[in-house]
Amino acid sequence: MKILTHIPVLLAFFFFLQSCSKDVGPVEENPQTENVSFTNDIQPIFNQNCVSCHPNSGNLDLTSSNSYNNLVDVNASGYSGKLVIAGDSNNSILYKKIDGSGAYGSNMPLGGSLSATQITAIKQWIDEGALDN
């Protein structure tokens, strides 16, 4: 019989606890974007679109064994600035040559263009620090 007299108090306490909990909804995970790999993502773009004219054209060798060292923190031939400034695609001449802006003369590749996906990959690679990975 004593238990029955405590039921209203227990129910009130239960509802009080329920009202204190905060419903934050489902927890969403932050999707991590995968880093762009120079070897797996960027060099294949050069191989497909650039090496035919740049095995050493314009003093720029974009072949597999030479491209990275010829791009990152290297002064551009014929322009004032660096071809690739790690972490700064908007001031990297390589990116400006492919983004369609015409900021540094003719868009590359000459007579064509890279896909939006390829341009984005190069931009992301530079902005991620232009790693030799």
Protein backbone atom coordinates (compact mmCIF):
# COMPACT_ATOMS: atom_id res chain seq x y z
CA MET A 1 0.00 0.00 0.00
CA LYS A 2 2.88 2.37 0.76
CA ILE A 3 4.19 1.90 -2.78
CA LEU A 4 0.95 3.20 -4.24
CA THR A 5 1.31 6.46 -2.34
CA HIS A 6 4.75 7.02 -3.83
CA ILE A 7 3.73 6.42 -7.45
CA PRO A 8 2.74 10.04 -8.13
CA VAL A 9 6.09 11.24 -6.75
CA LEU A 10 8.00 8.69 -8.79
CA LEU A 11 6.10 9.62 -11.97
CA ALA A 12 6.73 13.32 -11.37
CA PHE A 13 10.44 12.61 -10.86
CA PHE A 14 10.54 10.49 -14.04
CA PHE A 15 8.89 13.22 -16.13
CA PHE A 16 11.25 15.80 -14.63
CA LEU A 17 14.28 13.76 -15.73
CA GLN A 18 12.81 13.31 -19.20
CA SER A 19 12.30 17.05 -19.61
CA CYS A 20 15.93 17.72 -18.70
CA SER A 21 17.35 15.67 -21.51
CA LYS A 22 18.26 17.64 -24.59
CA ASP A 23 17.31 16.17 -27.94
CA VAL A 24 20.15 17.06 -30.28
CA GLY A 25 18.97 14.86 -33.11
CA PRO A 26 21.10 12.36 -34.95
CA VAL A 27 24.82 12.85 -34.77
CA GLU A 28 26.27 13.57 -38.18
CA GLU A 29 29.82 12.61 -38.87
CA ASN A 30 32.06 15.13 -40.54
CA PRO A 31 32.96 13.59 -43.85
CA GLN A 32 36.70 13.77 -44.34
CA THR A 33 37.76 14.57 -47.84
CA GLU A 34 40.60 12.45 -48.99
CA ASN A 35 43.83 14.25 -49.72
CA VAL A 36 44.78 14.52 -53.34
CA SER A 37 47.83 12.43 -54.21
CA PHE A 38 50.37 13.93 -56.57
CA THR A 39 51.41 10.50 -57.83
CA ASN A 40 47.94 8.96 -58.15
CA ASP A 41 45.80 11.98 -59.04
CA ILE A 42 47.87 14.84 -60.45
CA GLN A 43 50.63 13.19 -62.47
CA PRO A 44 48.08 11.16 -64.49
CA ILE A 45 46.43 14.48 -65.48
CA PHE A 46 49.81 15.74 -66.69
CA ASN A 47 50.52 12.46 -68.49
CA GLN A 48 47.17 12.58 -70.30
CA ASN A 49 47.03 16.29 -71.13
CA CYS A 50 50.40 18.00 -70.78
CA VAL A 51 53.41 15.78 -71.40
CA SER A 52 52.90 15.72 -75.17
CA CYS A 53 53.88 19.42 -75.22
CA HIS A 54 55.83 19.60 -71.99
CA PRO A 55 58.50 16.99 -72.01
CA ASN A 56 60.54 20.19 -72.00
CA SER A 57 58.48 22.86 -73.79
CA GLY A 58 58.60 26.34 -72.31
CA ASN A 59 61.37 25.14 -70.02
CA LEU A 60 58.83 22.95 -68.25
CA ASP A 61 59.25 19.19 -68.03
CA LEU A 62 56.07 17.54 -66.73
CA THR A 63 57.18 13.94 -67.20
CA SER A 64 56.72 11.63 -64.24
CA SER A 65 60.24 11.73 -62.90
CA ASN A 66 60.64 15.52 -63.23
CA SER A 67 57.29 17.28 -62.85
CA TYR A 68 57.11 17.75 -59.09
CA ASN A 69 60.58 19.27 -58.81
CA ASN A 70 59.87 21.50 -61.82
CA LEU A 71 56.66 22.91 -60.34
CA VAL A 72 56.66 23.45 -56.60
CA ASP A 73 58.32 26.68 -55.45
CA VAL A 74 59.86 27.16 -58.90
CA ASN A 75 59.89 30.53 -60.67
CA ALA A 76 57.83 30.51 -63.84
CA SER A 77 59.67 31.06 -67.09
CA GLY A 78 58.38 34.23 -68.72
CA TYR A 79 56.18 35.28 -65.79
CA SER A 80 56.82 36.91 -62.45
CA GLY A 81 55.86 34.38 -59.83
CA LYS A 82 56.02 30.74 -58.80
CA LEU A 83 54.44 27.93 -60.77
CA VAL A 84 53.09 26.33 -57.61
CA ILE A 85 52.94 28.02 -54.23
CA ALA A 86 52.14 25.31 -51.70
CA GLY A 87 48.84 26.12 -49.98
CA ASP A 88 47.97 28.98 -52.36
CA SER A 89 46.37 27.94 -55.63
CA ASN A 90 45.03 31.42 -56.36
CA ASN A 91 48.57 32.79 -56.62
CA SER A 92 50.06 29.74 -58.33
CA ILE A 93 50.71 30.29 -62.02
CA LEU A 94 50.04 26.63 -62.85
CA TYR A 95 46.50 26.92 -61.50
CA LYS A 96 45.92 30.25 -63.24
CA LYS A 97 47.05 28.69 -66.54
CA ILE A 98 44.37 25.98 -66.29
CA ASP A 99 41.46 27.77 -64.60
CA GLY A 100 40.29 29.57 -67.74
CA SER A 101 40.91 33.03 -66.31
CA GLY A 102 43.47 33.98 -68.94
CA ALA A 103 45.46 35.68 -66.19
CA TYR A 104 48.73 34.34 -67.62
CA GLY A 105 48.17 34.22 -71.34
CA SER A 106 46.78 31.20 -73.13
CA ASN A 107 44.82 28.65 -71.19
CA MET A 108 46.48 25.26 -70.91
CA PRO A 109 46.45 22.76 -72.36
CA LEU A 110 46.84 24.71 -75.55
CA GLY A 111 43.85 24.19 -77.85
CA GLY A 112 41.89 22.34 -75.17
CA SER A 113 40.97 22.36 -71.54
CA LEU A 114 40.99 20.15 -68.51
CA SER A 115 37.74 18.86 -67.06
CA ALA A 116 36.25 20.62 -64.05
CA THR A 117 37.17 17.56 -61.98
CA GLN A 118 40.81 17.75 -63.07
CA ILE A 119 41.01 21.49 -62.40
CA THR A 120 39.48 20.98 -58.96
CA ALA A 121 41.95 18.19 -58.18
CA ILE A 122 44.93 20.38 -59.06
CA LYS A 123 43.52 23.26 -57.02
CA GLN A 124 42.90 20.98 -54.04
CA TRP A 125 46.38 19.46 -54.31
CA ILE A 126 47.98 22.91 -54.25
CA ASP A 127 45.75 24.14 -51.41
CA GLU A 128 46.54 21.01 -49.37
CA GLY A 129 50.20 21.99 -49.49
CA ALA A 130 51.32 20.61 -52.86
CA LEU A 131 52.72 17.48 -51.27
CA ASP A 132 54.90 15.00 -53.11
CA ASN A 133 52.66 12.09 -52.16
